[in-house]
N, C-alpha and C. Protein backbone atom coordinates (compact mmCIF):
# COMPACT_ATOMS: atom_id res chain seq x y z
N MET A 1 37.24 26.81 -63.64
CA MET A 1 36.75 27.98 -62.67
C MET A 1 37.84 28.83 -62.20
N LYS A 2 37.76 30.22 -62.40
CA LYS A 2 39.09 30.83 -61.85
C LYS A 2 38.20 31.88 -61.31
N VAL A 3 38.74 32.32 -60.02
CA VAL A 3 38.11 33.56 -59.18
C VAL A 3 38.53 34.97 -59.97
N GLY A 4 37.57 35.72 -59.83
CA GLY A 4 37.78 37.12 -60.22
C GLY A 4 38.30 38.13 -59.25
N ARG A 5 37.86 39.49 -59.11
CA ARG A 5 38.62 40.31 -58.47
C ARG A 5 38.05 40.29 -56.77
N LEU A 6 39.08 40.61 -56.16
CA LEU A 6 38.84 40.64 -54.67
C LEU A 6 37.75 41.55 -54.22
N ASN A 7 36.56 41.27 -53.81
CA ASN A 7 35.53 42.17 -53.61
C ASN A 7 35.63 42.70 -52.36
N HIS A 8 35.83 42.01 -51.36
CA HIS A 8 36.03 42.49 -50.01
C HIS A 8 36.91 41.56 -48.88
N ILE A 9 37.07 42.26 -47.91
CA ILE A 9 37.83 41.54 -46.76
C ILE A 9 36.95 41.79 -45.63
N GLY A 10 36.30 40.39 -45.14
CA GLY A 10 35.75 40.58 -43.85
C GLY A 10 36.58 40.89 -42.60
N ILE A 11 35.79 41.58 -41.71
CA ILE A 11 36.55 41.91 -40.75
C ILE A 11 35.70 41.70 -39.39
N ALA A 12 35.92 40.63 -38.47
CA ALA A 12 34.98 40.62 -37.48
C ALA A 12 35.18 41.69 -36.33
N THR A 13 34.28 42.06 -35.55
CA THR A 13 34.66 42.86 -34.73
C THR A 13 33.47 42.75 -33.41
N PRO A 14 33.74 43.12 -32.24
CA PRO A 14 32.55 42.91 -31.25
C PRO A 14 32.03 44.56 -31.22
N ASP A 15 32.38 45.49 -31.63
CA ASP A 15 31.83 46.93 -31.82
C ASP A 15 31.88 47.36 -33.08
N ILE A 16 30.75 47.20 -34.01
CA ILE A 16 30.91 47.70 -35.40
C ILE A 16 31.38 49.17 -35.39
N ALA A 17 30.40 50.01 -34.85
CA ALA A 17 30.52 51.48 -34.69
C ALA A 17 32.18 51.91 -34.21
N GLU A 18 32.42 51.25 -33.30
CA GLU A 18 33.88 51.89 -32.77
C GLU A 18 34.92 51.66 -34.04
N THR A 19 34.67 50.36 -34.44
CA THR A 19 35.49 49.53 -35.51
C THR A 19 35.54 50.60 -36.97
N ARG A 20 34.11 50.83 -37.31
CA ARG A 20 34.13 51.98 -38.46
C ARG A 20 34.80 53.11 -38.10
N ASP A 21 34.38 53.70 -36.95
CA ASP A 21 35.01 55.14 -36.60
C ASP A 21 36.57 54.97 -36.50
N THR A 22 37.16 53.91 -35.97
CA THR A 22 38.67 53.86 -35.99
C THR A 22 39.35 53.82 -37.41
N TYR A 23 38.51 53.15 -38.33
CA TYR A 23 38.90 52.94 -39.93
C TYR A 23 38.94 54.44 -40.26
N ALA A 24 37.83 54.99 -39.97
CA ALA A 24 37.70 56.42 -40.61
C ALA A 24 38.62 57.27 -40.17
N ALA A 25 39.02 57.25 -38.81
CA ALA A 25 39.69 58.20 -37.97
C ALA A 25 41.26 58.26 -38.44
N LEU A 26 41.77 56.66 -38.69
CA LEU A 26 43.18 56.45 -38.73
C LEU A 26 43.50 56.35 -40.38
N TYR A 27 42.44 55.82 -41.23
CA TYR A 27 42.96 55.81 -42.48
C TYR A 27 42.24 56.86 -43.43
N GLY A 28 41.26 57.65 -42.93
CA GLY A 28 40.58 58.65 -43.76
C GLY A 28 39.52 58.00 -44.76
N LEU A 29 39.07 56.76 -44.24
CA LEU A 29 37.95 55.95 -44.99
C LEU A 29 36.72 56.39 -44.63
N ASP A 30 36.31 57.41 -45.24
CA ASP A 30 34.77 57.83 -44.76
C ASP A 30 33.81 57.52 -46.02
N ARG A 31 34.15 56.71 -46.77
CA ARG A 31 32.91 56.22 -47.68
C ARG A 31 32.43 54.75 -46.99
N LEU A 32 31.33 55.01 -45.94
CA LEU A 32 30.67 53.89 -45.33
C LEU A 32 29.40 53.78 -45.57
N THR A 33 28.82 52.45 -45.56
CA THR A 33 27.56 52.25 -45.72
C THR A 33 26.91 52.43 -44.17
N ALA A 34 25.83 52.44 -43.97
CA ALA A 34 25.07 52.46 -42.85
C ALA A 34 25.06 50.92 -42.52
N VAL A 35 25.05 50.73 -40.81
CA VAL A 35 25.08 49.55 -40.49
C VAL A 35 23.71 48.78 -40.48
N LYS A 36 23.50 47.86 -41.26
CA LYS A 36 22.35 47.06 -41.34
C LYS A 36 22.39 45.79 -40.68
N ASP A 37 21.41 45.27 -40.28
CA ASP A 37 21.15 43.89 -39.66
C ASP A 37 20.62 42.90 -40.62
N PHE A 38 21.58 41.74 -40.59
CA PHE A 38 21.22 40.62 -41.46
C PHE A 38 20.75 39.35 -40.51
N PRO A 39 19.61 39.43 -39.97
CA PRO A 39 19.32 38.27 -39.08
C PRO A 39 19.19 36.50 -39.65
N GLU A 40 19.10 36.67 -40.81
CA GLU A 40 19.33 35.55 -41.41
C GLU A 40 20.79 35.00 -41.47
N LEU A 41 21.53 35.84 -41.56
CA LEU A 41 23.16 35.66 -41.43
C LEU A 41 23.77 35.72 -39.97
N GLY A 42 22.85 36.20 -39.41
CA GLY A 42 23.37 36.15 -37.72
C GLY A 42 24.18 37.52 -37.62
N VAL A 43 24.32 38.30 -38.41
CA VAL A 43 25.18 39.78 -38.37
C VAL A 43 24.58 40.97 -38.72
N LYS A 44 25.40 42.03 -38.13
CA LYS A 44 25.09 43.26 -38.61
C LYS A 44 26.34 43.51 -39.47
N VAL A 45 26.16 44.28 -40.43
CA VAL A 45 27.36 44.52 -41.49
C VAL A 45 27.39 46.15 -41.92
N CYS A 46 28.59 46.55 -42.09
CA CYS A 46 28.83 47.95 -42.52
C CYS A 46 30.02 47.72 -43.55
N PHE A 47 29.54 48.39 -44.73
CA PHE A 47 30.93 48.17 -45.75
C PHE A 47 31.51 49.66 -45.89
N VAL A 48 33.12 49.37 -45.59
CA VAL A 48 34.13 50.43 -45.97
C VAL A 48 34.52 50.45 -47.32
N ASP A 49 34.51 51.33 -48.02
CA ASP A 49 34.87 51.43 -49.38
C ASP A 49 36.17 52.01 -49.32
N THR A 50 37.24 51.39 -49.72
CA THR A 50 38.73 51.85 -49.97
C THR A 50 39.15 52.46 -51.31
N GLY A 51 38.36 52.31 -52.24
CA GLY A 51 38.66 52.60 -53.47
C GLY A 51 39.11 51.39 -54.42
N ASN A 52 39.57 50.53 -53.97
CA ASN A 52 39.97 49.43 -54.62
C ASN A 52 39.28 48.14 -54.31
N THR A 53 38.68 48.20 -52.97
CA THR A 53 38.01 47.22 -52.55
C THR A 53 37.28 47.37 -51.57
N GLU A 54 36.56 46.57 -50.66
CA GLU A 54 35.80 47.02 -49.81
C GLU A 54 36.23 46.26 -48.23
N LEU A 55 36.07 46.84 -47.29
CA LEU A 55 35.90 45.96 -45.91
C LEU A 55 34.87 45.94 -45.54
N GLU A 56 34.35 44.47 -45.09
CA GLU A 56 33.09 44.21 -44.60
C GLU A 56 33.30 44.04 -42.95
N LEU A 57 32.76 45.07 -42.23
CA LEU A 57 32.83 44.88 -40.91
C LEU A 57 31.47 44.12 -40.44
N LEU A 58 31.61 43.15 -39.77
CA LEU A 58 30.76 42.20 -39.14
C LEU A 58 30.84 41.91 -37.41
N GLN A 59 29.60 42.31 -37.07
CA GLN A 59 29.47 42.05 -35.56
C GLN A 59 28.26 41.06 -35.46
N PRO A 60 28.54 40.09 -34.50
CA PRO A 60 27.44 39.01 -34.60
C PRO A 60 26.20 39.68 -33.76
N LEU A 61 25.07 39.13 -34.25
CA LEU A 61 23.68 39.48 -33.54
C LEU A 61 23.44 38.53 -32.60
N GLY A 62 24.21 37.59 -32.13
CA GLY A 62 23.96 36.65 -31.20
C GLY A 62 24.91 35.58 -30.92
N PRO A 63 24.63 34.61 -29.93
CA PRO A 63 25.57 33.67 -29.62
C PRO A 63 25.62 32.54 -30.73
N GLU A 64 24.77 32.45 -31.48
CA GLU A 64 24.66 31.40 -32.65
C GLU A 64 25.29 32.03 -33.81
N SER A 65 25.69 33.06 -33.96
CA SER A 65 26.49 33.76 -35.26
C SER A 65 27.72 32.98 -35.27
N PRO A 66 27.96 32.55 -36.64
CA PRO A 66 29.44 32.24 -36.86
C PRO A 66 30.52 33.06 -36.52
N VAL A 67 29.94 34.59 -36.53
CA VAL A 67 31.28 35.43 -36.21
C VAL A 67 31.32 35.33 -34.63
N ASN A 68 30.38 35.12 -34.00
CA ASN A 68 30.58 35.29 -32.58
C ASN A 68 31.50 33.82 -32.04
N ARG A 69 31.48 32.89 -32.72
CA ARG A 69 32.32 31.86 -32.45
C ARG A 69 33.86 32.34 -32.83
N PHE A 70 34.12 32.85 -33.96
CA PHE A 70 35.15 33.89 -34.35
C PHE A 70 35.71 34.54 -33.17
N LEU A 71 34.85 35.50 -32.55
CA LEU A 71 35.12 36.37 -31.63
C LEU A 71 35.79 35.68 -30.23
N GLU A 72 35.06 34.51 -30.08
CA GLU A 72 35.38 33.75 -28.92
C GLU A 72 36.88 33.41 -28.99
N LYS A 73 37.44 32.97 -29.81
CA LYS A 73 38.92 32.91 -30.25
C LYS A 73 39.68 34.12 -30.56
N ASN A 74 39.15 35.02 -30.83
CA ASN A 74 39.52 36.43 -31.08
C ASN A 74 38.97 37.44 -30.78
N PRO A 75 38.79 37.74 -29.32
CA PRO A 75 38.13 38.75 -28.53
C PRO A 75 38.10 40.25 -29.20
N LYS A 76 39.27 40.71 -29.70
CA LYS A 76 39.24 41.93 -30.09
C LYS A 76 38.87 41.97 -31.60
N GLY A 77 38.77 40.81 -32.06
CA GLY A 77 38.18 40.94 -33.88
C GLY A 77 39.62 40.59 -34.56
N GLY A 78 39.15 40.70 -35.83
CA GLY A 78 40.39 40.48 -36.83
C GLY A 78 39.91 40.05 -38.14
N GLN A 79 40.70 39.74 -39.25
CA GLN A 79 40.56 39.39 -40.42
C GLN A 79 39.49 38.04 -40.38
N HIS A 80 38.42 38.04 -40.97
CA HIS A 80 37.51 36.86 -41.00
C HIS A 80 37.35 35.94 -42.24
N HIS A 81 37.68 36.70 -43.18
CA HIS A 81 37.59 35.98 -44.62
C HIS A 81 37.81 36.91 -45.71
N LEU A 82 38.40 36.33 -46.82
CA LEU A 82 38.36 37.02 -48.02
C LEU A 82 37.41 36.84 -49.06
N CYS A 83 36.95 37.59 -49.76
CA CYS A 83 35.81 37.19 -50.60
C CYS A 83 36.16 37.43 -52.28
N PHE A 84 36.15 36.59 -52.99
CA PHE A 84 36.36 36.84 -54.36
C PHE A 84 35.13 36.61 -55.07
N GLU A 85 35.08 37.11 -56.23
CA GLU A 85 34.03 37.20 -57.37
C GLU A 85 34.13 36.14 -58.14
N VAL A 86 33.11 35.32 -58.47
CA VAL A 86 33.09 34.34 -59.43
C VAL A 86 31.94 34.65 -60.74
N ALA A 87 32.05 34.20 -61.86
CA ALA A 87 31.04 34.43 -62.84
C ALA A 87 29.92 33.51 -62.75
N ASP A 88 30.07 32.29 -62.07
CA ASP A 88 28.75 31.35 -62.01
C ASP A 88 29.07 30.91 -60.67
N ILE A 89 28.27 31.10 -59.73
CA ILE A 89 28.38 30.66 -58.20
C ILE A 89 28.34 29.17 -58.39
N PHE A 90 27.34 28.41 -59.08
CA PHE A 90 27.05 27.03 -58.85
C PHE A 90 28.15 26.36 -59.86
N ALA A 91 28.87 26.95 -60.78
CA ALA A 91 30.10 26.18 -61.42
C ALA A 91 31.16 26.29 -60.29
N ALA A 92 31.30 27.49 -59.62
CA ALA A 92 32.50 27.76 -58.61
C ALA A 92 32.13 26.52 -57.90
N ARG A 93 31.13 26.38 -57.17
CA ARG A 93 30.86 25.14 -56.10
C ARG A 93 31.20 23.95 -56.70
N ASP A 94 30.63 23.72 -57.84
CA ASP A 94 31.24 22.30 -58.33
C ASP A 94 32.42 22.21 -58.55
N ALA A 95 33.29 23.25 -58.99
CA ALA A 95 34.92 23.05 -59.08
C ALA A 95 35.37 22.92 -57.87
N MET A 96 34.82 23.75 -56.82
CA MET A 96 35.56 23.48 -55.49
C MET A 96 35.42 22.16 -54.92
N ARG A 97 34.23 21.56 -55.05
CA ARG A 97 34.14 20.35 -54.54
C ARG A 97 35.04 19.32 -55.47
N ALA A 98 34.94 19.33 -56.85
CA ALA A 98 35.68 18.55 -57.67
C ALA A 98 37.26 18.50 -57.38
N ARG A 99 37.58 19.87 -56.91
CA ARG A 99 38.94 19.92 -56.40
C ARG A 99 39.60 19.55 -55.14
N GLY A 100 38.58 18.87 -54.40
CA GLY A 100 38.72 18.35 -53.09
C GLY A 100 38.38 19.51 -51.90
N ALA A 101 37.93 20.52 -52.07
CA ALA A 101 37.57 21.71 -50.97
C ALA A 101 36.14 21.41 -50.49
N THR A 102 36.33 21.68 -49.40
CA THR A 102 35.06 21.67 -48.57
C THR A 102 34.33 23.00 -48.52
N VAL A 103 32.85 22.76 -49.01
CA VAL A 103 31.99 24.12 -49.12
C VAL A 103 31.14 23.94 -47.94
N LEU A 104 31.34 24.79 -46.94
CA LEU A 104 30.66 24.91 -45.84
C LEU A 104 29.18 25.01 -45.73
N GLY A 105 28.65 24.66 -44.61
CA GLY A 105 26.82 24.34 -44.76
C GLY A 105 26.40 23.35 -45.69
N THR A 106 25.29 23.52 -46.34
CA THR A 106 24.70 22.71 -47.09
C THR A 106 25.46 22.67 -48.23
N GLY A 107 26.07 23.44 -48.93
CA GLY A 107 26.79 23.72 -50.16
C GLY A 107 26.14 24.29 -51.03
N GLU A 108 24.63 24.64 -50.78
CA GLU A 108 23.76 25.42 -51.66
C GLU A 108 24.15 26.84 -51.55
N PRO A 109 24.32 27.52 -52.55
CA PRO A 109 24.57 28.82 -52.41
C PRO A 109 23.30 29.94 -51.87
N TYR A 110 23.73 30.87 -50.77
CA TYR A 110 22.39 31.58 -50.30
C TYR A 110 22.77 33.18 -50.51
N THR A 111 21.95 33.85 -50.20
CA THR A 111 22.11 35.52 -50.63
C THR A 111 23.09 35.75 -49.26
N GLY A 112 23.77 36.43 -49.71
CA GLY A 112 24.93 37.33 -48.61
C GLY A 112 24.53 38.78 -48.82
N ALA A 113 25.26 39.38 -48.01
CA ALA A 113 25.18 40.94 -47.40
C ALA A 113 25.15 41.71 -48.83
N HIS A 114 25.65 41.42 -49.90
CA HIS A 114 25.70 42.15 -51.13
C HIS A 114 24.39 41.91 -51.94
N GLY A 115 23.75 40.93 -51.43
CA GLY A 115 22.20 40.67 -52.29
C GLY A 115 22.46 39.55 -53.49
N VAL A 116 23.61 39.09 -53.53
CA VAL A 116 23.74 38.01 -54.57
C VAL A 116 24.36 36.76 -53.73
N PRO A 117 24.37 35.61 -54.52
CA PRO A 117 24.57 34.27 -54.06
C PRO A 117 26.03 34.12 -53.52
N VAL A 118 26.45 33.42 -52.53
CA VAL A 118 27.56 33.24 -51.90
C VAL A 118 27.94 31.68 -51.69
N ILE A 119 28.97 31.29 -51.41
CA ILE A 119 29.31 30.20 -50.67
C ILE A 119 30.70 30.29 -49.73
N PHE A 120 31.05 29.47 -48.77
CA PHE A 120 32.08 29.71 -48.29
C PHE A 120 33.26 28.41 -48.26
N ILE A 121 34.31 28.61 -48.34
CA ILE A 121 34.94 27.17 -48.44
C ILE A 121 36.10 27.18 -46.94
N HIS A 122 36.02 26.06 -46.64
CA HIS A 122 36.57 25.50 -45.39
C HIS A 122 38.03 26.19 -45.42
N PRO A 123 38.48 26.81 -44.41
CA PRO A 123 40.01 27.38 -44.11
C PRO A 123 40.73 26.04 -44.16
N LYS A 124 40.49 25.03 -43.80
CA LYS A 124 41.68 23.99 -43.66
C LYS A 124 41.80 23.54 -45.11
N ASP A 125 41.20 24.00 -46.33
CA ASP A 125 41.56 23.60 -47.29
C ASP A 125 42.33 24.90 -48.12
N THR A 126 42.26 26.09 -47.25
CA THR A 126 43.02 27.25 -47.91
C THR A 126 44.22 27.72 -46.98
N HIS A 127 44.73 26.93 -46.18
CA HIS A 127 46.00 27.24 -45.47
C HIS A 127 45.48 28.24 -44.33
N GLY A 128 44.34 27.89 -43.75
CA GLY A 128 43.67 28.93 -42.41
C GLY A 128 42.82 30.07 -42.74
N VAL A 129 42.60 30.19 -44.13
CA VAL A 129 41.95 31.48 -44.68
C VAL A 129 40.64 31.13 -45.03
N LEU A 130 39.48 31.70 -44.27
CA LEU A 130 38.15 31.38 -44.96
C LEU A 130 37.80 32.15 -46.22
N ILE A 131 37.57 31.52 -46.98
CA ILE A 131 37.42 32.10 -48.46
C ILE A 131 35.77 32.05 -48.78
N GLU A 132 35.16 33.37 -49.05
CA GLU A 132 34.10 33.44 -49.34
C GLU A 132 33.93 33.62 -50.93
N LEU A 133 33.04 32.92 -51.75
CA LEU A 133 32.97 33.07 -53.22
C LEU A 133 31.82 33.84 -53.37
N MET A 134 31.65 34.71 -54.14
CA MET A 134 30.07 35.38 -54.43
C MET A 134 30.15 35.68 -55.98
N GLN A 135 28.65 35.57 -56.29
CA GLN A 135 28.35 35.71 -57.73
C GLN A 135 28.82 37.13 -58.08
N GLU A 136 29.43 37.39 -59.20
CA GLU A 136 29.56 38.72 -59.70
C GLU A 136 28.22 39.63 -59.57
N PRO A 137 28.25 40.84 -59.13
CA PRO A 137 27.32 41.62 -58.88
C PRO A 137 26.79 41.78 -60.48
N ALA A 138 25.51 42.10 -60.59
CA ALA A 138 25.26 42.43 -62.02
C ALA A 138 25.63 43.82 -62.67
């Protein structure tokens, strides 16, 4: 198993609208999706298209959100994760486990904000960086 392209960089924020507006004003990034709530993931999300990848802006929907825990340690927000595409999410999960990495949660892929299966690899296994692996979009 080898990862494919960098799909997006996840950025946690306490205020998704303010962060979206800052990226548009500072960097001219005006290709933005609407903010959408994902209650099953505990976040609201907006994607910012940079031309060669996307920024995924994440705001927690409540205190149980994993992003809320991140913001408790980083109140102003910051880089939350990197997301790489994989050809087969199940093969990727099995390869990660075989290589000694911890797949977070139950280990079963679930549907992410792009509408495809995803898993997360614990940052302790990747030098402090949370890694999301997502099934290549069709």
